[in-house]
Amino acid sequence: MLPLAFQLLPVLLGQACPTPSPYDPPPCAASRVPGCLPGYRPQWDRSGRLFYVCNGQSVQPQAAVQTPLAAPMPVSVTEPPAVAAKPPPTESRGHVGLVLMPGVSAFPASDRGLQTSKPEAQVALEFRGSEGGGRVRLVGEWTSFGKIGELSFKYNFFDDFFFRPWLAIGVGIASINPDASIRAAGSASFGLDLFLSRDFFLTGELKGRAFAVGTNGPAHGLAISDWRQVSLLGGMGFYFF
């Protein structure tokens, strides 16, 4: 029987791919034939395992077993805090105003009021904040009887409305002809401002003023004299800066 087995071995070796599966070891693996069987070729799968396949057969290596990926853990996304809506920016207004006011002035004021009045010119610088009705005024007046400089505080009512009545009080100094000496003065005013735009307005003013006796009089010029001044003025003003 042994000689018969050796005679059948070459016949078996000459058969092409007698193994039922490419993953089964070919007969030469058991016989330890160098180079294995003709018609077989070695091949390695993705895991590095050696197996033999027939030449002429396209055998794909076993796909590596893929481990299903774990579902991603839910990520907690913290929403950013809501930002409060900003109010629309308000349009900035001018802070320094120039007011030009011609008019008439009666001095010394009598029972006839403005019937004896003469021309007068007044120029004022007004300073205001970004909001509110308060103003500070620097006033210069040129009249037929002398010159007057004054610092006053003015307050506009209804500052958000175009029609704004106002009140003002002021203190200053005056030079009355023909006496060139300087004397104290104080005034109170009522007026109306009509704003045609944010920074431009028409204005009218009724002012009353009292004067001190003078530096040569009693109480070092602090005594109030009988002289009074009444002025009626109208003009325009505009703010800048």
C-alpha atoms as a PDB file:
ATOM      1  CA  MET A   1       0.000   0.000   0.000  1.00  0.00           C
ATOM      2  CA  LEU A   2       2.862   2.428   0.736  1.00  0.00           C
ATOM      3  CA  PRO A   3       4.216   2.259  -2.836  1.00  0.00           C
ATOM      4  CA  LEU A   4       0.693   2.923  -4.067  1.00  0.00           C
ATOM      5  CA  ALA A   5       0.404   5.989  -1.812  1.00  0.00           C
ATOM      6  CA  PHE A   6       3.673   7.383  -3.222  1.00  0.00           C
ATOM      7  CA  GLN A   7       2.347   6.843  -6.735  1.00  0.00           C
ATOM      8  CA  LEU A   8      -0.913   8.667  -5.934  1.00  0.00           C
ATOM      9  CA  LEU A   9       0.833  11.641  -4.232  1.00  0.00           C
ATOM     10  CA  PRO A  10       2.175  13.151  -7.475  1.00  0.00           C
ATOM     11  CA  VAL A  11      -1.274  12.781  -8.988  1.00  0.00           C
ATOM     12  CA  LEU A  12      -2.781  14.572  -6.019  1.00  0.00           C
ATOM     13  CA  LEU A  13      -0.032  17.201  -6.141  1.00  0.00           C
ATOM     14  CA  GLY A  14      -0.807  17.879  -9.760  1.00  0.00           C
ATOM     15  CA  GLN A  15      -4.488  18.537  -9.087  1.00  0.00           C
ATOM     16  CA  ALA A  16      -5.418  22.189  -8.920  1.00  0.00           C
ATOM     17  CA  CYS A  17      -6.827  23.335  -5.647  1.00  0.00           C
ATOM     18  CA  PRO A  18      -8.214  20.068  -4.280  1.00  0.00           C
ATOM     19  CA  THR A  19      -9.122  21.680  -0.949  1.00  0.00           C
ATOM     20  CA  PRO A  20     -12.754  22.442  -0.402  1.00  0.00           C
ATOM     21  CA  SER A  21     -12.037  25.903   1.025  1.00  0.00           C
ATOM     22  CA  PRO A  22      -9.137  28.285   0.571  1.00  0.00           C
ATOM     23  CA  TYR A  23      -8.818  28.391   4.329  1.00  0.00           C
ATOM     24  CA  ASP A  24      -8.241  24.627   4.587  1.00  0.00           C
ATOM     25  CA  PRO A  25      -4.549  23.724   4.543  1.00  0.00           C
ATOM     26  CA  PRO A  26      -3.457  22.254   1.220  1.00  0.00           C
ATOM     27  CA  PRO A  27      -2.189  18.632   1.188  1.00  0.00           C
ATOM     28  CA  CYS A  28       1.379  19.854   1.031  1.00  0.00           C
ATOM     29  CA  ALA A  29       0.992  21.367   4.471  1.00  0.00           C
ATOM     30  CA  ALA A  30       0.740  17.890   5.947  1.00  0.00           C
ATOM     31  CA  SER A  31       3.489  16.570   3.690  1.00  0.00           C
ATOM     32  CA  ARG A  32       5.812  19.531   4.522  1.00  0.00           C
ATOM     33  CA  VAL A  33       6.667  19.942   0.862  1.00  0.00           C
ATOM     34  CA  PRO A  34       8.957  22.957   0.369  1.00  0.00           C
ATOM     35  CA  GLY A  35       7.128  25.667  -1.595  1.00  0.00           C
ATOM     36  CA  CYS A  36       3.893  23.810  -0.952  1.00  0.00           C
ATOM     37  CA  LEU A  37       1.695  22.735  -3.853  1.00  0.00           C
ATOM     38  CA  PRO A  38       1.962  24.130  -7.328  1.00  0.00           C
ATOM     39  CA  GLY A  39      -1.136  26.171  -8.120  1.00  0.00           C
ATOM     40  CA  TYR A  40      -1.388  27.540  -4.571  1.00  0.00           C
ATOM     41  CA  ARG A  41      -0.108  30.852  -3.331  1.00  0.00           C
ATOM     42  CA  PRO A  42       0.199  32.129   0.216  1.00  0.00           C
ATOM     43  CA  GLN A  43      -1.931  35.068   1.383  1.00  0.00           C
ATOM     44  CA  TRP A  44      -2.436  36.887   4.647  1.00  0.00           C
ATOM     45  CA  ASP A  45      -5.659  38.304   5.962  1.00  0.00           C
ATOM     46  CA  ARG A  46      -5.989  41.579   7.852  1.00  0.00           C
ATOM     47  CA  SER A  47      -5.260  39.855  11.124  1.00  0.00           C
ATOM     48  CA  GLY A  48      -1.926  38.552   9.806  1.00  0.00           C
ATOM     49  CA  ARG A  49      -3.039  34.916   9.507  1.00  0.00           C
ATOM     50  CA  LEU A  50      -1.458  32.898   6.722  1.00  0.00           C
ATOM     51  CA  PHE A  51      -3.626  30.901   4.354  1.00  0.00           C
ATOM     52  CA  TYR A  52      -3.356  29.447   0.838  1.00  0.00           C
ATOM     53  CA  VAL A  53      -5.495  30.220  -2.149  1.00  0.00           C
ATOM     54  CA  CYS A  54      -5.605  28.824  -5.632  1.00  0.00           C
ATOM     55  CA  ASN A  55      -3.994  30.809  -8.389  1.00  0.00           C
ATOM     56  CA  GLY A  56      -6.833  31.984 -10.602  1.00  0.00           C
ATOM     57  CA  GLN A  57      -9.274  32.223  -7.705  1.00  0.00           C
ATOM     58  CA  SER A  58     -10.100  35.624  -6.261  1.00  0.00           C
ATOM     59  CA  VAL A  59     -10.581  34.996  -2.622  1.00  0.00           C
ATOM     60  CA  GLN A  60     -11.111  37.976  -0.422  1.00  0.00           C
ATOM     61  CA  PRO A  61      -9.744  37.694   3.064  1.00  0.00           C
ATOM     62  CA  GLN A  62     -12.224  37.587   5.793  1.00  0.00           C
ATOM     63  CA  ALA A  63     -13.191  41.028   6.763  1.00  0.00           C
ATOM     64  CA  ALA A  64     -12.029  41.913  10.158  1.00  0.00           C
ATOM     65  CA  VAL A  65     -14.804  41.867  12.659  1.00  0.00           C
ATOM     66  CA  GLN A  66     -15.673  45.420  13.330  1.00  0.00           C
ATOM     67  CA  THR A  67     -16.758  46.294  16.781  1.00  0.00           C
ATOM     68  CA  PRO A  68     -19.760  48.541  16.582  1.00  0.00           C
ATOM     69  CA  LEU A  69     -18.948  51.980  17.814  1.00  0.00           C
ATOM     70  CA  ALA A  70     -20.572  52.956  20.991  1.00  0.00           C
ATOM     71  CA  ALA A  71     -23.174  55.620  20.678  1.00  0.00           C
ATOM     72  CA  PRO A  72     -21.693  58.985  21.580  1.00  0.00           C
ATOM     73  CA  MET A  73     -22.568  60.224  24.988  1.00  0.00           C
ATOM     74  CA  PRO A  74     -24.922  63.191  24.902  1.00  0.00           C
ATOM     75  CA  VAL A  75     -23.048  66.393  25.449  1.00  0.00           C
ATOM     76  CA  SER A  76     -24.726  68.973  27.551  1.00  0.00           C
ATOM     77  CA  VAL A  77     -24.450  72.273  25.752  1.00  0.00           C
ATOM     78  CA  THR A  78     -24.979  75.203  28.018  1.00  0.00           C
ATOM     79  CA  GLU A  79     -26.676  78.008  26.205  1.00  0.00           C
ATOM     80  CA  PRO A  80     -25.057  81.394  26.685  1.00  0.00           C
ATOM     81  CA  PRO A  81     -26.987  83.693  28.950  1.00  0.00           C
ATOM     82  CA  ALA A  82     -29.430  85.866  27.138  1.00  0.00           C
ATOM     83  CA  VAL A  83     -28.147  89.367  26.635  1.00  0.00           C
ATOM     84  CA  ALA A  84     -30.628  92.061  27.418  1.00  0.00           C
ATOM     85  CA  ALA A  85     -31.532  94.078  24.387  1.00  0.00           C
ATOM     86  CA  LYS A  86     -29.888  97.468  24.474  1.00  0.00           C
ATOM     87  CA  PRO A  87     -32.151 100.446  24.113  1.00  0.00           C
ATOM     88  CA  PRO A  88     -31.650 102.366  20.907  1.00  0.00           C
ATOM     89  CA  PRO A  89     -29.048 105.066  21.350  1.00  0.00           C
ATOM     90  CA  THR A  90     -30.497 108.529  21.831  1.00  0.00           C
ATOM     91  CA  GLU A  91     -29.323 111.294  19.580  1.00  0.00           C
ATOM     92  CA  SER A  92     -26.831 113.503  21.389  1.00  0.00           C
ATOM     93  CA  ARG A  93     -27.679 117.178  21.753  1.00  0.00           C
ATOM     94  CA  GLY A  94     -25.435 120.211  21.830  1.00  0.00           C
ATOM     95  CA  HIS A  95     -24.193 121.444  25.188  1.00  0.00           C
ATOM     96  CA  VAL A  96     -23.098 125.035  24.536  1.00  0.00           C
ATOM     97  CA  GLY A  97     -25.620 127.520  23.139  1.00  0.00           C
ATOM     98  CA  LEU A  98     -25.287 131.037  21.768  1.00  0.00           C
ATOM     99  CA  VAL A  99     -28.412 133.197  22.214  1.00  0.00           C
ATOM    100  CA  LEU A 100     -28.853 136.554  20.443  1.00  0.00           C
ATOM    101  CA  MET A 101     -31.723 138.703  21.753  1.00  0.00           C
ATOM    102  CA  PRO A 102     -32.405 142.286  20.693  1.00  0.00           C
ATOM    103  CA  GLY A 103     -35.179 144.131  22.495  1.00  0.00           C
ATOM    104  CA  VAL A 104     -36.180 147.187  24.430  1.00  0.00           C
ATOM    105  CA  SER A 105     -35.484 148.247  27.988  1.00  0.00           C
ATOM    106  CA  ALA A 106     -37.066 150.843  30.304  1.00  0.00           C
ATOM    107  CA  PHE A 107     -34.856 152.473  32.972  1.00  0.00           C
ATOM    108  CA  PRO A 108     -35.726 153.628  35.469  1.00  0.00           C
ATOM    109  CA  ALA A 109     -39.012 151.781  35.166  1.00  0.00           C
ATOM    110  CA  SER A 110     -42.090 153.848  35.941  1.00  0.00           C
ATOM    111  CA  ASP A 111     -45.816 153.380  35.994  1.00  0.00           C
ATOM    112  CA  ARG A 112     -45.842 153.786  32.222  1.00  0.00           C
ATOM    113  CA  GLY A 113     -43.832 150.566  31.882  1.00  0.00           C
ATOM    114  CA  LEU A 114     -42.145 150.081  28.490  1.00  0.00           C
ATOM    115  CA  GLN A 115     -43.639 153.237  26.960  1.00  0.00           C
ATOM    116  CA  THR A 116     -40.375 155.072  27.719  1.00  0.00           C
ATOM    117  CA  SER A 117     -38.151 152.153  26.671  1.00  0.00           C
ATOM    118  CA  LYS A 118     -35.066 152.355  24.507  1.00  0.00           C
ATOM    119  CA  PRO A 119     -33.277 149.707  22.400  1.00  0.00           C
ATOM    120  CA  GLU A 120     -31.185 147.055  24.090  1.00  0.00           C
ATOM    121  CA  ALA A 121     -29.065 144.133  22.930  1.00  0.00           C
ATOM    122  CA  GLN A 122     -28.383 140.955  24.923  1.00  0.00           C
ATOM    123  CA  VAL A 123     -25.978 138.123  24.173  1.00  0.00           C
ATOM    124  CA  ALA A 124     -25.905 134.945  26.270  1.00  0.00           C
ATOM    125  CA  LEU A 125     -23.945 131.723  26.431  1.00  0.00           C
ATOM    126  CA  GLU A 126     -26.020 128.808  27.707  1.00  0.00           C
ATOM    127  CA  PHE A 127     -24.585 125.562  29.028  1.00  0.00           C
ATOM    128  CA  ARG A 128     -26.746 122.438  29.399  1.00  0.00           C
ATOM    129  CA  GLY A 129     -26.179 118.758  30.091  1.00  0.00           C
ATOM    130  CA  SER A 130     -27.086 115.749  27.944  1.00  0.00           C
ATOM    131  CA  GLU A 131     -30.568 115.675  29.483  1.00  0.00           C
ATOM    132  CA  GLY A 132     -32.733 117.739  31.789  1.00  0.00           C
ATOM    133  CA  GLY A 133     -33.991 121.310  31.666  1.00  0.00           C
ATOM    134  CA  GLY A 134     -31.322 123.071  33.735  1.00  0.00           C
ATOM    135  CA  ARG A 135     -29.094 125.674  32.096  1.00  0.00           C
ATOM    136  CA  VAL A 136     -26.376 128.051  33.263  1.00  0.00           C
ATOM    137  CA  ARG A 137     -26.197 131.398  31.458  1.00  0.00           C
ATOM    138  CA  LEU A 138     -23.504 134.017  31.069  1.00  0.00           C
ATOM    139  CA  VAL A 139     -25.275 137.193  29.949  1.00  0.00           C
ATOM    140  CA  GLY A 140     -24.005 140.486  28.611  1.00  0.00           C
ATOM    141  CA  GLU A 141     -26.379 143.452  28.062  1.00  0.00           C
ATOM    142  CA  TRP A 142     -25.787 146.751  26.303  1.00  0.00           C
ATOM    143  CA  THR A 143     -28.397 149.422  27.053  1.00  0.00           C
ATOM    144  CA  SER A 144     -28.776 153.151  26.567  1.00  0.00           C
ATOM    145  CA  PHE A 145     -28.082 153.751  30.268  1.00  0.00           C
ATOM    146  CA  GLY A 146     -25.099 151.407  30.728  1.00  0.00           C
ATOM    147  CA  LYS A 147     -23.675 147.898  30.582  1.00  0.00           C
ATOM    148  CA  ILE A 148     -24.590 144.810  32.594  1.00  0.00           C
ATOM    149  CA  GLY A 149     -22.913 141.448  33.086  1.00  0.00           C
ATOM    150  CA  GLU A 150     -24.750 138.590  34.761  1.00  0.00           C
ATOM    151  CA  LEU A 151     -24.545 134.939  35.774  1.00  0.00           C
ATOM    152  CA  SER A 152     -27.949 133.270  35.930  1.00  0.00           C
ATOM    153  CA  PHE A 153     -29.576 129.881  36.329  1.00  0.00           C
ATOM    154  CA  LYS A 154     -32.347 129.007  33.856  1.00  0.00           C
ATOM    155  CA  TYR A 155     -34.723 126.055  33.977  1.00  0.00           C
ATOM    156  CA  ASN A 156     -36.718 124.839  30.976  1.00  0.00           C
ATOM    157  CA  PHE A 157     -39.967 123.038  31.728  1.00  0.00           C
ATOM    158  CA  PHE A 158     -41.188 120.226  29.421  1.00  0.00           C
ATOM    159  CA  ASP A 159     -37.658 119.598  28.173  1.00  0.00           C
ATOM    160  CA  ASP A 160     -38.816 116.815  25.836  1.00  0.00           C
ATOM    161  CA  PHE A 161     -41.463 119.054  24.244  1.00  0.00           C
ATOM    162  CA  PHE A 162     -40.785 121.599  21.508  1.00  0.00           C
ATOM    163  CA  PHE A 163     -42.605 124.380  23.414  1.00  0.00           C
ATOM    164  CA  ARG A 164     -40.732 125.056  26.685  1.00  0.00           C
ATOM    165  CA  PRO A 165     -41.557 127.819  29.177  1.00  0.00           C
ATOM    166  CA  TRP A 166     -38.738 128.721  31.524  1.00  0.00           C
ATOM    167  CA  LEU A 167     -37.762 130.720  34.612  1.00  0.00           C
ATOM    168  CA  ALA A 168     -34.394 132.255  35.472  1.00  0.00           C
ATOM    169  CA  ILE A 169     -32.772 134.146  38.315  1.00  0.00           C
ATOM    170  CA  GLY A 170     -29.406 135.885  38.141  1.00  0.00           C
ATOM    171  CA  VAL A 171     -26.865 138.077  39.873  1.00  0.00           C
ATOM    172  CA  GLY A 172     -24.350 140.372  38.258  1.00  0.00           C
ATOM    173  CA  ILE A 173     -22.725 143.768  38.088  1.00  0.00           C
ATOM    174  CA  ALA A 174     -23.753 146.952  36.283  1.00  0.00           C
ATOM    175  CA  SER A 175     -22.271 150.264  35.218  1.00  0.00           C
ATOM    176  CA  ILE A 176     -24.933 152.993  34.953  1.00  0.00           C
ATOM    177  CA  ASN A 177     -24.321 156.309  33.171  1.00  0.00           C
ATOM    178  CA  PRO A 178     -23.090 158.807  34.121  1.00  0.00           C
ATOM    179  CA  ASP A 179     -21.746 157.040  37.245  1.00  0.00           C
ATOM    180  CA  ALA A 180     -18.991 154.714  36.067  1.00  0.00           C
ATOM    181  CA  SER A 181     -18.771 152.883  39.406  1.00  0.00           C
ATOM    182  CA  ILE A 182     -19.670 149.184  39.522  1.00  0.00           C
ATOM    183  CA  ARG A 183     -22.755 148.174  41.454  1.00  0.00           C
ATOM    184  CA  ALA A 184     -24.435 144.837  42.146  1.00  0.00           C
ATOM    185  CA  ALA A 185     -27.614 143.804  40.348  1.00  0.00           C
ATOM    186  CA  GLY A 186     -30.107 140.984  40.529  1.00  0.00           C
ATOM    187  CA  SER A 187     -32.777 139.845  38.077  1.00  0.00           C
ATOM    188  CA  ALA A 188     -35.688 137.498  37.571  1.00  0.00           C
ATOM    189  CA  SER A 189     -36.962 136.384  34.163  1.00  0.00           C
ATOM    190  CA  PHE A 190     -39.783 134.502  32.545  1.00  0.00           C
ATOM    191  CA  GLY A 191     -39.544 133.274  28.967  1.00  0.00           C
ATOM    192  CA  LEU A 192     -40.565 130.829  26.266  1.00  0.00           C
ATOM    193  CA  ASP A 193     -38.324 128.711  24.039  1.00  0.00           C
ATOM    194  CA  LEU A 194     -39.723 127.298  20.805  1.00  0.00           C
ATOM    195  CA  PHE A 195     -37.428 124.521  19.549  1.00  0.00           C
ATOM    196  CA  LEU A 196     -37.605 124.098  15.788  1.00  0.00           C
ATOM    197  CA  SER A 197     -34.983 121.346  15.884  1.00  0.00           C
ATOM    198  CA  ARG A 198     -32.920 119.570  18.482  1.00  0.00           C
ATOM    199  CA  ASP A 199     -30.411 122.442  18.789  1.00  0.00           C
ATOM    200  CA  PHE A 200     -32.097 125.491  17.240  1.00  0.00           C
ATOM    201  CA  PHE A 201     -34.801 127.543  18.927  1.00  0.00           C
ATOM    202  CA  LEU A 202     -36.607 130.868  19.005  1.00  0.00           C
ATOM    203  CA  THR A 203     -36.890 132.568  22.365  1.00  0.00           C
ATOM    204  CA  GLY A 204     -38.639 135.446  24.141  1.00  0.00           C
ATOM    205  CA  GLU A 205     -37.969 136.906  27.585  1.00  0.00           C
ATOM    206  CA  LEU A 206     -39.521 139.381  30.020  1.00  0.00           C
ATOM    207  CA  LYS A 207     -36.980 140.467  32.641  1.00  0.00           C
ATOM    208  CA  GLY A 208     -37.042 142.644  35.735  1.00  0.00           C
ATOM    209  CA  ARG A 209     -33.857 143.847  37.429  1.00  0.00           C
ATOM    210  CA  ALA A 210     -32.983 145.723  40.617  1.00  0.00           C
ATOM    211  CA  PHE A 211     -29.726 147.585  41.366  1.00  0.00           C
ATOM    212  CA  ALA A 212     -27.704 148.290  44.461  1.00  0.00           C
ATOM    213  CA  VAL A 213     -27.011 151.862  45.520  1.00  0.00           C
ATOM    214  CA  GLY A 214     -23.326 151.667  44.531  1.00  0.00           C
ATOM    215  CA  THR A 215     -19.954 151.269  46.166  1.00  0.00           C
ATOM    216  CA  ASN A 216     -20.075 154.823  47.492  1.00  0.00           C
ATOM    217  CA  GLY A 217     -23.479 154.366  49.105  1.00  0.00           C
ATOM    218  CA  PRO A 218     -24.420 152.975  52.493  1.00  0.00           C
ATOM    219  CA  ALA A 219     -23.671 149.352  53.455  1.00  0.00           C
ATOM    220  CA  HIS A 220     -20.737 149.274  51.012  1.00  0.00           C
ATOM    221  CA  GLY A 221     -22.968 149.093  47.961  1.00  0.00           C
ATOM    222  CA  LEU A 222     -25.253 146.295  49.153  1.00  0.00           C
ATOM    223  CA  ALA A 223     -28.303 148.487  49.796  1.00  0.00           C
ATOM    224  CA  ILE A 224     -31.025 148.209  47.153  1.00  0.00           C
ATOM    225  CA  SER A 225     -31.791 151.401  45.252  1.00  0.00           C
ATOM    226  CA  ASP A 226     -35.129 152.567  43.864  1.00  0.00           C
ATOM    227  CA  TRP A 227     -33.911 152.042  40.306  1.00  0.00           C
ATOM    228  CA  ARG A 228     -35.573 149.262  38.393  1.00  0.00           C
ATOM    229  CA  GLN A 229     -35.153 147.962  34.886  1.00  0.00           C
ATOM    230  CA  VAL A 230     -37.771 146.154  32.788  1.00  0.00           C
ATOM    231  CA  SER A 231     -36.746 144.509  29.505  1.00  0.00           C
ATOM    232  CA  LEU A 232     -38.625 142.752  26.753  1.00  0.00           C
ATOM    233  CA  LEU A 233     -36.409 140.692  24.469  1.00  0.00           C
ATOM    234  CA  GLY A 234     -36.794 138.237  21.616  1.00  0.00           C
ATOM    235  CA  GLY A 235     -34.376 136.378  19.396  1.00  0.00           C
ATOM    236  CA  MET A 236     -32.919 133.014  18.548  1.00  0.00           C
ATOM    237  CA  GLY A 237     -30.365 130.549  19.845  1.00  0.00           C
ATOM    238  CA  PHE A 238     -28.525 127.468  18.698  1.00  0.00           C
ATOM    239  CA  TYR A 239     -26.479 124.804  20.463  1.00  0.00           C
ATOM    240  CA  PHE A 240     -23.229 123.239  19.336  1.00  0.00           C
ATOM    241  CA  PHE A 241     -20.537 120.963  20.774  1.00  0.00           C
END
